[in-house]
Amino acid sequence: MYGSVVIILLVFSRLLAPLISISVNEELARVDGISVEKVRFLFMILLALVIAIALKVVGILLITALLIIPAATARLYSRSPRQMVLLSVVIAILSVVLGLYSSLQWDFPAGPAIVVGAALLFFVSRVFVRH
């Protein structure tokens, strides 16, 4: 499992710039020489591997929540795709810390507590962020 994670991180670090280019403007990415189909295929494979590995460790509810909610929260604060990726990771880490703390403090199950922590960060962000 650790080897898979290292490989996924290495491949993803090489795909980050092309992924950002594709997400900003697909036609411009093609003009820049990026093989859009190849990058999308590799990204889907990486995502499938991450989900398959993480399912064994933490479960479907937590994986789904940590893939979607931090990204939705980061979108409220981000000005660029790269900033959104980094902020999404920070928010996911905060969600896990908040969930584990509440699990320890009030004897809640850890997985649902992390999901509630992520949702709480999202809803608080929606209330206080104005565009």
Protein backbone atom coordinates (compact mmCIF):
# COMPACT_ATOMS: atom_id res chain seq x y z
CA MET A 1 0.00 0.00 0.00
CA TYR A 2 2.79 2.44 0.83
CA GLY A 3 4.49 1.75 -2.48
CA SER A 4 1.25 2.45 -4.32
CA VAL A 5 0.85 5.75 -2.52
CA VAL A 6 4.39 6.81 -3.44
CA ILE A 7 3.83 5.90 -7.10
CA ILE A 8 0.48 7.74 -7.14
CA LEU A 9 2.05 10.87 -5.65
CA LEU A 10 4.95 10.81 -8.12
CA VAL A 11 2.67 10.39 -11.13
CA PHE A 12 0.25 13.01 -9.84
CA SER A 13 3.07 15.52 -9.30
CA ARG A 14 4.01 15.09 -12.97
CA LEU A 15 0.37 15.45 -14.07
CA LEU A 16 -0.51 18.52 -12.00
CA ALA A 17 0.56 21.19 -14.51
CA PRO A 18 -1.14 19.49 -17.51
CA LEU A 19 -4.28 18.92 -15.42
CA ILE A 20 -4.44 22.59 -14.51
CA SER A 21 -3.93 23.56 -18.16
CA ILE A 22 -6.73 21.24 -19.24
CA SER A 23 -9.08 22.50 -16.56
CA VAL A 24 -8.46 26.14 -17.50
CA ASN A 25 -8.76 25.78 -21.29
CA GLU A 26 -8.78 22.44 -23.06
CA GLU A 27 -8.15 23.84 -26.55
CA LEU A 28 -5.20 25.90 -25.36
CA ALA A 29 -3.79 22.82 -23.65
CA ARG A 30 -4.02 20.92 -26.94
CA VAL A 31 -2.22 23.77 -28.72
CA ASP A 32 0.50 23.63 -26.05
CA GLY A 33 1.07 19.98 -26.99
CA ILE A 34 -0.65 18.33 -24.05
CA SER A 35 -2.28 15.01 -24.87
CA VAL A 36 -5.62 15.72 -23.21
CA GLU A 37 -6.97 12.19 -23.54
CA LYS A 38 -3.80 10.65 -22.13
CA VAL A 39 -3.74 13.02 -19.14
CA ARG A 40 -7.44 12.42 -18.43
CA PHE A 41 -6.95 8.66 -18.66
CA LEU A 42 -3.97 8.73 -16.28
CA PHE A 43 -5.89 10.95 -13.87
CA MET A 44 -8.86 8.56 -13.87
CA ILE A 45 -6.52 5.63 -13.22
CA LEU A 46 -4.87 7.51 -10.33
CA LEU A 47 -8.24 8.44 -8.87
CA ALA A 48 -9.45 4.84 -9.13
CA LEU A 49 -6.28 3.60 -7.41
CA VAL A 50 -6.62 6.13 -4.60
CA ILE A 51 -10.24 5.16 -4.04
CA ALA A 52 -9.48 1.43 -4.16
CA ILE A 53 -6.63 1.76 -1.68
CA ALA A 54 -8.46 4.13 0.64
CA LEU A 55 -11.65 2.06 0.67
CA LYS A 56 -9.80 -0.73 2.42
CA VAL A 57 -8.51 1.69 5.03
CA VAL A 58 -11.30 4.16 5.81
CA GLY A 59 -14.54 3.32 3.96
CA ILE A 60 -16.73 4.77 1.24
CA LEU A 61 -18.42 7.54 3.23
CA LEU A 62 -15.15 9.05 4.36
CA ILE A 63 -13.52 8.76 0.93
CA THR A 64 -16.43 10.43 -0.79
CA ALA A 65 -16.57 13.19 1.79
CA LEU A 66 -12.83 13.87 1.68
CA LEU A 67 -12.83 13.98 -2.13
CA ILE A 68 -15.75 16.39 -2.50
CA ILE A 69 -16.26 18.59 0.57
CA PRO A 70 -12.71 20.03 0.94
CA ALA A 71 -12.61 20.87 -2.78
CA ALA A 72 -16.00 22.59 -2.56
CA THR A 73 -14.81 24.57 0.45
CA ALA A 74 -11.49 25.49 -1.16
CA ARG A 75 -13.30 26.75 -4.24
CA LEU A 76 -14.81 29.53 -2.12
CA TYR A 77 -11.38 30.93 -1.24
CA SER A 78 -9.23 30.10 -4.28
CA ARG A 79 -8.17 32.40 -7.07
CA SER A 80 -6.37 29.76 -9.15
CA PRO A 81 -6.59 26.00 -9.70
CA ARG A 82 -3.21 25.41 -8.06
CA GLN A 83 -4.29 27.37 -5.00
CA MET A 84 -7.50 25.35 -4.89
CA VAL A 85 -5.58 22.05 -4.85
CA LEU A 86 -3.31 23.17 -2.01
CA LEU A 87 -6.13 24.71 0.00
CA SER A 88 -8.24 21.59 -0.50
CA VAL A 89 -5.48 19.46 1.05
CA VAL A 90 -5.22 21.84 4.02
CA ILE A 91 -9.00 21.79 4.53
CA ALA A 92 -9.05 17.99 4.34
CA ILE A 93 -6.32 17.81 6.99
CA LEU A 94 -8.24 20.27 9.19
CA SER A 95 -11.38 18.16 8.73
CA VAL A 96 -9.55 15.02 9.84
CA VAL A 97 -8.03 16.77 12.87
CA LEU A 98 -11.39 18.29 13.83
CA GLY A 99 -13.17 14.96 13.38
CA LEU A 100 -10.59 12.96 15.31
CA TYR A 101 -10.56 15.51 18.12
CA SER A 102 -14.35 15.43 18.41
CA SER A 103 -14.25 11.64 18.25
CA LEU A 104 -11.78 11.53 21.11
CA GLN A 105 -13.46 14.26 23.13
CA TRP A 106 -17.10 13.12 22.86
CA ASP A 107 -16.67 9.42 21.99
CA PHE A 108 -18.13 9.69 18.47
CA PRO A 109 -17.24 7.22 15.71
CA ALA A 110 -14.18 8.64 13.91
CA GLY A 111 -15.34 8.32 10.28
CA PRO A 112 -18.68 10.13 10.64
CA ALA A 113 -17.05 12.72 12.93
CA ILE A 114 -14.55 13.56 10.17
CA VAL A 115 -17.37 13.88 7.63
CA VAL A 116 -19.30 16.17 9.98
CA GLY A 117 -16.13 18.22 10.56
CA ALA A 118 -15.65 18.66 6.81
CA ALA A 119 -19.31 19.57 6.35
CA LEU A 120 -19.11 22.02 9.24
CA LEU A 121 -16.10 23.75 7.66
CA PHE A 122 -17.99 23.96 4.37
CA PHE A 123 -21.17 25.42 5.87
CA VAL A 124 -19.28 27.92 8.04
CA SER A 125 -17.34 28.98 4.94
CA ARG A 126 -20.55 29.42 2.95
CA VAL A 127 -21.97 31.67 5.66
CA PHE A 128 -18.93 33.89 6.04
CA VAL A 129 -17.52 34.07 2.49
CA ARG A 130 -19.15 36.57 0.17
CA HIS A 131 -18.42 36.81 -3.53
